[in-house]
Amino acid sequence: MKIYLGIYQIKHAQYAPQFMFSVRRLISRRTSVPFNNYNWMLDSGAFSEINLNGKYTFTPEEYLHYVELHQPTLFFNMDYICEPFVLQKTGMTVKQHQSKTLDNQIRIMDLLDNYDIKSNFAGCIQGWQISDYLNCIDMLKEHGLITSIMGVGSICRRNSEYQIIKILEAIKQELPNTKLHGFGIKTDILKIPIVYKYLNSCDSMAWSFAGRKSKKLCMNCKYPNVKNCANCHYYMLNWYNKLVTIQNKTCIQQTF
């Protein structure tokens, strides 16, 4: 499984093996980011957009403009997350969020030919209960919207790793030939061997949150006056290397 580091500072790109960047950090830019030689994914900023605003503050047309300008390796649909606390804010149901997710994907795919975009596009599967995700897959299939890579949303803020695994298992059974990307996957999930059968890739920005809370600096910082390592690329790489070690150990255990 390929792990994409979630980064929010352009300068961190040179240190990350591969990374996820939110379009929200690029909206104010008028020139393309210097990411041409990097393997990176562009995220639609779904969590912040829907959680803070209850909707997207930019249109699919504007989103595609950003994609055309910055040319990521892969970009994801403008999906609507389905966490219960977000539904309370929007006043909508899971099915309504799924419908908005599909509407955005249809619109984006209809518009793609109007832009000079070399990036690959990935749809998103949204839901909360397993039945929700399966219903979303049925809706996507009905409209011919299953892409070669599909992002799986609303799974990162769950207390149960078992629940996440069951959701991924159910999705993989329905889409055995589709590559799945897990948004914001928890570190503990990587310690469970079977998850490697379901996910081809995942992303995480947990390194920055951990760096913000850590009372001990990474000891490599060249900035002795910083309060924490939330913006430290040394801390980011140390965290990433620990994840890779966990992944390798888990995969070795799986082979025996």
Foldseek 3Di string as FASTA:
>chain_A
DAEAEEDLDLVLQVLTQEHEYECVSVLPDPAERPCVPHAYEYEPCQVCQCQVPVHHPDALVSVVVNCLRHQHQEYEFNAHAADPVSCVVNVDHLVVRLVVLVVRLVVNVVCVVVGPHPHHYEYEFYDDALVSSVVSVVVCVVVVNHDLEYEYHDPQPDPDLVRVVVSLVSVCVVVVRHAYEYEAHDLVNLLALCVVSRHPYYYHNVLLVCFVPDQDEPVPDPDVPDRTCSPPSVSVVVVVVVSVVSNVVSNVVVVD
